[in-house]
Each structure stands twice: as C-alpha cells, then as structure tokens.
Amino acid sequence: MNQKKFDRILDRADRAYASGNFWTAIKLYWVLLRERPADPGLWNDIGAAFHRLGRMDDAQKAFEKSIELDPGSYHSYANLANVVLHKGEYERALQLYDEALSIDPQLLPALYNRACIFGLRGDYNRMLEELDRGVLALREDHYMALMSRWEALIKLGRDDEASETLEKALRVNPEYVTIYISCRLSGTELRWKSGMIHRQGGKQANTSTTSG
C-alpha cells in the first residue's frame, strides 16, 4: 500500500471515529495495522475505538501493545489507565496515570481522572488537593473539574466555598451544571466516563472527559 492510499484510509478511519462510527473505524484501523503492525499510534486509536464500544479487554490489549511498541506513548498510558479504572483497579490506574504524567505533566485528562480516583475512594480532601494543584491550576475554567470540586467541598462541609465554586461553574457552562445538579437531586446516577485520547491523524487530542 502506498503512502497516499494509507493516508486516505487513515483519514476515513479518523472521521469515522470522530462521528461515533466506531466499528467502521476499527475495521479501517485493522486494514492499516495489517500494513504497519508496529505502528503504536494505530494500536492506540483502535484501542480508543474499542473502549468507546465497551470492549474493555480488547481496548486493554491494544493499549498495552501500543506501549510495548513505544514506551513514551503517554496517551496510551492514560488510555490504559482509563480502562483499568473502569474495572475498579484504582491502584494500577494511579500508577498508569503517573506514567503518563511523567512524560506529559500537563495532560489534562490524566490529571482530572487521577483526581477523581480519590473521590471514588471517599478521600475528598485529597481529591480537592489534586484538582486545585492539577487541572484547575492549568485551566481554571474546566467546568467538570469545577463540579467535582463543588461536590468534594459539599462532602467536606465547606458550604461557602462550594457555593463560590458552583457560581463559577455556572458562568462557564450552565447547561452542564444544570444537568449535573438535576441528576444529583433526583438520585439519578451520573455515568462516570473517562476521557479517551485519540491520535486523530498523528495528533493527540482529548475527545471527551466527563465526570459525575
């Protein structure tokens, strides 16, 4: 396969991924992997697509292969951490996020998801500390981090700070905040989704990070 054809198929795969057609993306990535089985970026991308479909074992194998081929693949470390976090393996997830952050200390999805682990464990002081010195130090308008911060403050009984944080989140993204609070008031469980990082034609890009 010549480079022009390879690039054309990769573009189709990336567009399929971006539009939510994950099975189509997987089929196209497999075509490319048959040509270039040692391409760590392709393994990362197919892993991201598997993750979106809930095929966690397939996603895990793909991310592990990407890391084997490129130990500096920080996005694959973060994505693998998301998979093991989904499986409830908190300690291993923390280790993998730390690996990703040792390579790219400003990787927002890893910083945010790492902080959320402490909330999942009930350690809201540590969660608050991680959010403040990590995600929010780099991006103060990260509305999902702001809402996680609000919830941690509520749990800690720091109501005045919680109100200030909520007001800030409302200024940034009122729609998200409204949905978040409505779910909390109704007792509906917000589905926690960790952000996948997709290469998108050679560039690392955060595709989604939401939390509840």
C-alpha atoms as a PDB file:
ATOM      1  CA  MET A   1       0.000   0.000   0.000  1.00  0.00           C
ATOM      2  CA  ASN A   2       1.464   3.362  -0.995  1.00  0.00           C
ATOM      3  CA  GLN A   3       1.523   6.331   1.377  1.00  0.00           C
ATOM      4  CA  LYS A   4      -1.249   8.188  -0.417  1.00  0.00           C
ATOM      5  CA  LYS A   5      -3.665   5.272  -0.049  1.00  0.00           C
ATOM      6  CA  PHE A   6      -2.596   4.730   3.562  1.00  0.00           C
ATOM      7  CA  ASP A   7      -3.287   8.370   4.400  1.00  0.00           C
ATOM      8  CA  ARG A   8      -6.655   8.241   2.667  1.00  0.00           C
ATOM      9  CA  ILE A   9      -7.763   5.211   4.708  1.00  0.00           C
ATOM     10  CA  LEU A  10      -6.422   6.771   7.905  1.00  0.00           C
ATOM     11  CA  ASP A  11      -8.424   9.913   7.224  1.00  0.00           C
ATOM     12  CA  ARG A  12     -11.577   7.825   6.713  1.00  0.00           C
ATOM     13  CA  ALA A  13     -10.896   5.939   9.955  1.00  0.00           C
ATOM     14  CA  ASP A  14     -10.350   9.141  11.920  1.00  0.00           C
ATOM     15  CA  ARG A  15     -13.510  10.695  10.521  1.00  0.00           C
ATOM     16  CA  ALA A  16     -15.491   7.555  11.369  1.00  0.00           C
ATOM     17  CA  TYR A  17     -14.142   7.694  14.928  1.00  0.00           C
ATOM     18  CA  ALA A  18     -14.937  11.390  15.282  1.00  0.00           C
ATOM     19  CA  SER A  19     -18.524  10.836  14.116  1.00  0.00           C
ATOM     20  CA  GLY A  20     -19.096   7.921  16.503  1.00  0.00           C
ATOM     21  CA  ASN A  21     -18.955   5.146  13.898  1.00  0.00           C
ATOM     22  CA  PHE A  22     -16.546   3.101  15.986  1.00  0.00           C
ATOM     23  CA  TRP A  23     -16.992  -0.266  14.274  1.00  0.00           C
ATOM     24  CA  THR A  24     -16.230   1.334  10.927  1.00  0.00           C
ATOM     25  CA  ALA A  25     -13.174   2.982  12.442  1.00  0.00           C
ATOM     26  CA  ILE A  26     -11.989  -0.353  13.862  1.00  0.00           C
ATOM     27  CA  LYS A  27     -12.332  -2.093  10.506  1.00  0.00           C
ATOM     28  CA  LEU A  28     -10.307   0.618   8.809  1.00  0.00           C
ATOM     29  CA  TYR A  29      -7.625   0.661  11.517  1.00  0.00           C
ATOM     30  CA  TRP A  30      -7.274  -3.098  11.114  1.00  0.00           C
ATOM     31  CA  VAL A  31      -6.648  -2.610   7.378  1.00  0.00           C
ATOM     32  CA  LEU A  32      -3.841  -0.209   8.243  1.00  0.00           C
ATOM     33  CA  LEU A  33      -2.440  -2.416  11.005  1.00  0.00           C
ATOM     34  CA  ARG A  34      -2.070  -5.293   8.553  1.00  0.00           C
ATOM     35  CA  GLU A  35       0.227  -2.976   6.610  1.00  0.00           C
ATOM     36  CA  ARG A  36       2.010  -1.477   9.619  1.00  0.00           C
ATOM     37  CA  PRO A  37       1.665  -3.768  12.632  1.00  0.00           C
ATOM     38  CA  ALA A  38       4.414  -1.899  14.521  1.00  0.00           C
ATOM     39  CA  ASP A  39       2.649   1.479  14.461  1.00  0.00           C
ATOM     40  CA  PRO A  40       1.915   2.400  18.118  1.00  0.00           C
ATOM     41  CA  GLY A  41      -0.443   5.222  17.141  1.00  0.00           C
ATOM     42  CA  LEU A  42      -2.713   2.869  15.239  1.00  0.00           C
ATOM     43  CA  TRP A  43      -2.838   0.493  18.210  1.00  0.00           C
ATOM     44  CA  ASN A  44      -3.781   3.428  20.439  1.00  0.00           C
ATOM     45  CA  ASP A  45      -6.521   4.545  18.075  1.00  0.00           C
ATOM     46  CA  ILE A  46      -8.086   1.125  17.683  1.00  0.00           C
ATOM     47  CA  GLY A  47      -7.937   0.739  21.468  1.00  0.00           C
ATOM     48  CA  ALA A  48      -9.796   4.041  21.860  1.00  0.00           C
ATOM     49  CA  ALA A  49     -12.494   2.801  19.483  1.00  0.00           C
ATOM     50  CA  PHE A  50     -12.820  -0.498  21.357  1.00  0.00           C
ATOM     51  CA  HIS A  51     -13.149   1.445  24.609  1.00  0.00           C
ATOM     52  CA  ARG A  52     -15.964   3.544  23.165  1.00  0.00           C
ATOM     53  CA  LEU A  53     -17.805   0.320  22.356  1.00  0.00           C
ATOM     54  CA  GLY A  54     -17.306  -1.023  25.885  1.00  0.00           C
ATOM     55  CA  ARG A  55     -14.956  -3.790  24.744  1.00  0.00           C
ATOM     56  CA  MET A  56     -12.547  -3.234  27.618  1.00  0.00           C
ATOM     57  CA  ASP A  57     -10.425  -6.367  27.202  1.00  0.00           C
ATOM     58  CA  ASP A  58      -9.794  -5.595  23.527  1.00  0.00           C
ATOM     59  CA  ALA A  59      -9.037  -1.980  24.389  1.00  0.00           C
ATOM     60  CA  GLN A  60      -6.599  -3.030  27.112  1.00  0.00           C
ATOM     61  CA  LYS A  61      -4.695  -5.345  24.775  1.00  0.00           C
ATOM     62  CA  ALA A  62      -4.438  -2.624  22.150  1.00  0.00           C
ATOM     63  CA  PHE A  63      -3.122  -0.010  24.581  1.00  0.00           C
ATOM     64  CA  GLU A  64      -0.629  -2.474  26.045  1.00  0.00           C
ATOM     65  CA  LYS A  65       0.610  -3.216  22.520  1.00  0.00           C
ATOM     66  CA  SER A  66       0.978   0.499  21.819  1.00  0.00           C
ATOM     67  CA  ILE A  67       3.074   0.946  24.981  1.00  0.00           C
ATOM     68  CA  GLU A  68       5.178  -2.113  24.138  1.00  0.00           C
ATOM     69  CA  LEU A  69       5.995  -0.561  20.753  1.00  0.00           C
ATOM     70  CA  ASP A  70       6.516   2.943  22.153  1.00  0.00           C
ATOM     71  CA  PRO A  71       7.213   3.243  25.916  1.00  0.00           C
ATOM     72  CA  GLY A  72       6.968   7.020  25.536  1.00  0.00           C
ATOM     73  CA  SER A  73       3.359   6.833  24.394  1.00  0.00           C
ATOM     74  CA  TYR A  74       1.853   8.925  27.194  1.00  0.00           C
ATOM     75  CA  HIS A  75      -1.601   8.950  25.608  1.00  0.00           C
ATOM     76  CA  SER A  76      -1.636   5.129  25.604  1.00  0.00           C
ATOM     77  CA  TYR A  77      -0.636   5.055  29.287  1.00  0.00           C
ATOM     78  CA  ALA A  78      -3.529   7.420  30.067  1.00  0.00           C
ATOM     79  CA  ASN A  79      -5.962   5.398  27.970  1.00  0.00           C
ATOM     80  CA  LEU A  80      -4.875   2.137  29.574  1.00  0.00           C
ATOM     81  CA  ALA A  81      -5.375   3.796  32.964  1.00  0.00           C
ATOM     82  CA  ASN A  82      -8.941   4.671  31.930  1.00  0.00           C
ATOM     83  CA  VAL A  83      -9.604   1.016  31.100  1.00  0.00           C
ATOM     84  CA  VAL A  84      -8.299  -0.380  34.386  1.00  0.00           C
ATOM     85  CA  LEU A  85     -10.098   2.394  36.278  1.00  0.00           C
ATOM     86  CA  HIS A  86     -13.316   1.265  34.603  1.00  0.00           C
ATOM     87  CA  LYS A  87     -12.557  -2.196  36.003  1.00  0.00           C
ATOM     88  CA  GLY A  88     -12.163  -0.764  39.511  1.00  0.00           C
ATOM     89  CA  GLU A  89      -8.382  -1.262  39.694  1.00  0.00           C
ATOM     90  CA  TYR A  90      -7.660   2.061  41.385  1.00  0.00           C
ATOM     91  CA  GLU A  91      -4.033   1.495  42.373  1.00  0.00           C
ATOM     92  CA  ARG A  92      -2.973   0.346  38.942  1.00  0.00           C
ATOM     93  CA  ALA A  93      -4.877   3.223  37.350  1.00  0.00           C
ATOM     94  CA  LEU A  94      -2.989   5.699  39.556  1.00  0.00           C
ATOM     95  CA  GLN A  95       0.324   4.140  38.545  1.00  0.00           C
ATOM     96  CA  LEU A  96      -0.539   4.385  34.861  1.00  0.00           C
ATOM     97  CA  TYR A  97      -1.716   7.991  35.124  1.00  0.00           C
ATOM     98  CA  ASP A  98       1.569   8.765  36.877  1.00  0.00           C
ATOM     99  CA  GLU A  99       3.454   7.150  33.980  1.00  0.00           C
ATOM    100  CA  ALA A 100       1.560   9.333  31.515  1.00  0.00           C
ATOM    101  CA  LEU A 101       2.149  12.469  33.593  1.00  0.00           C
ATOM    102  CA  SER A 102       5.850  11.737  33.970  1.00  0.00           C
ATOM    103  CA  ILE A 103       6.046  12.158  30.183  1.00  0.00           C
ATOM    104  CA  ASP A 104       3.497  14.975  29.821  1.00  0.00           C
ATOM    105  CA  PRO A 105       2.848  16.713  33.177  1.00  0.00           C
ATOM    106  CA  GLN A 106       0.098  18.868  31.658  1.00  0.00           C
ATOM    107  CA  LEU A 107      -2.062  16.075  30.252  1.00  0.00           C
ATOM    108  CA  LEU A 108      -5.458  17.318  31.467  1.00  0.00           C
ATOM    109  CA  PRO A 109      -7.478  14.086  31.099  1.00  0.00           C
ATOM    110  CA  ALA A 110      -4.906  12.200  33.177  1.00  0.00           C
ATOM    111  CA  LEU A 111      -4.777  14.930  35.824  1.00  0.00           C
ATOM    112  CA  TYR A 112      -8.552  15.054  36.085  1.00  0.00           C
ATOM    113  CA  ASN A 113      -9.201  11.325  36.115  1.00  0.00           C
ATOM    114  CA  ARG A 114      -6.398  10.808  38.627  1.00  0.00           C
ATOM    115  CA  ALA A 115      -8.025  13.323  40.987  1.00  0.00           C
ATOM    116  CA  CYS A 116     -11.402  11.619  40.578  1.00  0.00           C
ATOM    117  CA  ILE A 117      -9.979   8.332  41.821  1.00  0.00           C
ATOM    118  CA  PHE A 118      -9.570   9.839  45.296  1.00  0.00           C
ATOM    119  CA  GLY A 119     -13.209  10.899  45.237  1.00  0.00           C
ATOM    120  CA  LEU A 120     -14.255   7.400  44.243  1.00  0.00           C
ATOM    121  CA  ARG A 121     -12.352   6.181  47.304  1.00  0.00           C
ATOM    122  CA  GLY A 122     -14.032   8.729  49.554  1.00  0.00           C
ATOM    123  CA  ASP A 123     -10.856  10.782  50.116  1.00  0.00           C
ATOM    124  CA  TYR A 124     -12.337  14.189  49.302  1.00  0.00           C
ATOM    125  CA  ASN A 125      -9.517  16.197  50.854  1.00  0.00           C
ATOM    126  CA  ARG A 126      -7.024  14.541  48.529  1.00  0.00           C
ATOM    127  CA  MET A 127      -9.383  14.889  45.578  1.00  0.00           C
ATOM    128  CA  LEU A 128      -9.698  18.610  46.245  1.00  0.00           C
ATOM    129  CA  GLU A 129      -5.948  18.996  46.553  1.00  0.00           C
ATOM    130  CA  GLU A 130      -5.335  17.140  43.277  1.00  0.00           C
ATOM    131  CA  LEU A 131      -7.942  19.187  41.393  1.00  0.00           C
ATOM    132  CA  ASP A 132      -6.606  22.523  42.674  1.00  0.00           C
ATOM    133  CA  ARG A 133      -2.941  21.881  42.011  1.00  0.00           C
ATOM    134  CA  GLY A 134      -3.511  19.930  38.807  1.00  0.00           C
ATOM    135  CA  VAL A 135      -6.370  20.577  36.391  1.00  0.00           C
ATOM    136  CA  LEU A 136      -7.588  23.891  37.797  1.00  0.00           C
ATOM    137  CA  ALA A 137      -4.080  25.306  38.115  1.00  0.00           C
ATOM    138  CA  LEU A 138      -3.679  24.779  34.375  1.00  0.00           C
ATOM    139  CA  ARG A 139      -7.227  25.561  33.287  1.00  0.00           C
ATOM    140  CA  GLU A 140      -9.413  27.376  35.782  1.00  0.00           C
ATOM    141  CA  ASP A 141     -12.492  27.153  33.523  1.00  0.00           C
ATOM    142  CA  HIS A 142     -12.502  23.333  33.400  1.00  0.00           C
ATOM    143  CA  TYR A 143     -16.196  23.022  34.274  1.00  0.00           C
ATOM    144  CA  MET A 144     -16.106  19.288  35.008  1.00  0.00           C
ATOM    145  CA  ALA A 145     -13.246  19.808  37.457  1.00  0.00           C
ATOM    146  CA  LEU A 146     -15.173  22.694  38.981  1.00  0.00           C
ATOM    147  CA  MET A 147     -18.224  20.495  39.553  1.00  0.00           C
ATOM    148  CA  SER A 148     -16.082  17.731  41.025  1.00  0.00           C
ATOM    149  CA  ARG A 149     -14.520  20.377  43.264  1.00  0.00           C
ATOM    150  CA  TRP A 150     -18.009  21.564  44.278  1.00  0.00           C
ATOM    151  CA  GLU A 151     -19.029  18.041  45.221  1.00  0.00           C
ATOM    152  CA  ALA A 152     -15.855  17.484  47.237  1.00  0.00           C
ATOM    153  CA  LEU A 153     -16.442  20.729  49.138  1.00  0.00           C
ATOM    154  CA  ILE A 154     -20.054  19.725  49.876  1.00  0.00           C
ATOM    155  CA  LYS A 155     -18.853  16.369  51.213  1.00  0.00           C
ATOM    156  CA  LEU A 156     -16.346  18.203  53.422  1.00  0.00           C
ATOM    157  CA  GLY A 157     -18.972  20.614  54.771  1.00  0.00           C
ATOM    158  CA  ARG A 158     -17.279  23.672  53.264  1.00  0.00           C
ATOM    159  CA  ASP A 159     -20.527  25.198  52.007  1.00  0.00           C
ATOM    160  CA  ASP A 160     -19.390  28.772  51.365  1.00  0.00           C
ATOM    161  CA  GLU A 161     -16.504  27.625  49.162  1.00  0.00           C
ATOM    162  CA  ALA A 162     -18.836  25.167  47.464  1.00  0.00           C
ATOM    163  CA  SER A 163     -21.260  27.992  46.580  1.00  0.00           C
ATOM    164  CA  GLU A 164     -18.446  30.089  45.099  1.00  0.00           C
ATOM    165  CA  THR A 165     -17.250  27.138  43.034  1.00  0.00           C
ATOM    166  CA  LEU A 166     -20.776  26.415  41.811  1.00  0.00           C
ATOM    167  CA  GLU A 167     -21.249  30.041  40.732  1.00  0.00           C
ATOM    168  CA  LYS A 168     -18.036  29.886  38.747  1.00  0.00           C
ATOM    169  CA  ALA A 169     -19.058  26.622  37.065  1.00  0.00           C
ATOM    170  CA  LEU A 170     -22.428  28.171  36.155  1.00  0.00           C
ATOM    171  CA  ARG A 171     -20.678  31.055  34.428  1.00  0.00           C
ATOM    172  CA  VAL A 172     -18.566  28.632  32.413  1.00  0.00           C
ATOM    173  CA  ASN A 173     -21.138  26.008  31.403  1.00  0.00           C
ATOM    174  CA  PRO A 174     -24.655  26.476  32.837  1.00  0.00           C
ATOM    175  CA  GLU A 175     -26.119  23.606  30.789  1.00  0.00           C
ATOM    176  CA  TYR A 176     -23.693  21.038  32.202  1.00  0.00           C
ATOM    177  CA  VAL A 177     -24.176  22.302  35.762  1.00  0.00           C
ATOM    178  CA  THR A 178     -27.968  22.156  35.457  1.00  0.00           C
ATOM    179  CA  ILE A 179     -27.873  18.547  34.251  1.00  0.00           C
ATOM    180  CA  TYR A 180     -25.353  17.610  36.922  1.00  0.00           C
ATOM    181  CA  ILE A 181     -27.386  19.051  39.796  1.00  0.00           C
ATOM    182  CA  SER A 182     -30.686  17.709  38.430  1.00  0.00           C
ATOM    183  CA  CYS A 183     -29.233  14.211  38.430  1.00  0.00           C
ATOM    184  CA  ARG A 184     -27.980  14.656  41.982  1.00  0.00           C
ATOM    185  CA  LEU A 185     -31.328  15.956  43.253  1.00  0.00           C
ATOM    186  CA  SER A 186     -33.286  13.170  41.563  1.00  0.00           C
ATOM    187  CA  GLY A 187     -30.929  10.492  42.828  1.00  0.00           C
ATOM    188  CA  THR A 188     -30.016   9.544  39.262  1.00  0.00           C
ATOM    189  CA  GLU A 189     -26.522   8.176  38.963  1.00  0.00           C
ATOM    190  CA  LEU A 190     -24.333  10.132  36.599  1.00  0.00           C
ATOM    191  CA  ARG A 191     -22.328   7.776  34.462  1.00  0.00           C
ATOM    192  CA  TRP A 192     -18.630   8.421  35.002  1.00  0.00           C
ATOM    193  CA  LYS A 193     -16.794   8.447  31.706  1.00  0.00           C
ATOM    194  CA  SER A 194     -13.064   8.805  31.471  1.00  0.00           C
ATOM    195  CA  GLY A 195     -11.591  10.722  28.562  1.00  0.00           C
ATOM    196  CA  MET A 196     -10.137   8.761  25.709  1.00  0.00           C
ATOM    197  CA  ILE A 197      -7.208  10.295  23.887  1.00  0.00           C
ATOM    198  CA  HIS A 198      -7.291   9.676  20.155  1.00  0.00           C
ATOM    199  CA  ARG A 199      -4.380  10.401  17.881  1.00  0.00           C
ATOM    200  CA  GLN A 200      -6.520  11.785  15.014  1.00  0.00           C
ATOM    201  CA  GLY A 201      -4.103  11.504  12.144  1.00  0.00           C
ATOM    202  CA  GLY A 202      -0.958  11.761  14.180  1.00  0.00           C
ATOM    203  CA  LYS A 203      -2.049  14.419  16.664  1.00  0.00           C
ATOM    204  CA  GLN A 204      -3.004  13.687  20.250  1.00  0.00           C
ATOM    205  CA  ALA A 205      -6.454  15.041  21.023  1.00  0.00           C
ATOM    206  CA  ASN A 206      -8.693  14.753  24.046  1.00  0.00           C
ATOM    207  CA  THR A 207     -12.015  13.501  22.763  1.00  0.00           C
ATOM    208  CA  SER A 208     -14.100  13.516  25.924  1.00  0.00           C
ATOM    209  CA  THR A 209     -13.812  13.855  29.628  1.00  0.00           C
ATOM    210  CA  THR A 210     -16.917  13.933  31.743  1.00  0.00           C
ATOM    211  CA  SER A 211     -17.484  13.055  35.319  1.00  0.00           C
ATOM    212  CA  GLY A 212     -20.254  12.501  37.745  1.00  0.00           C
END
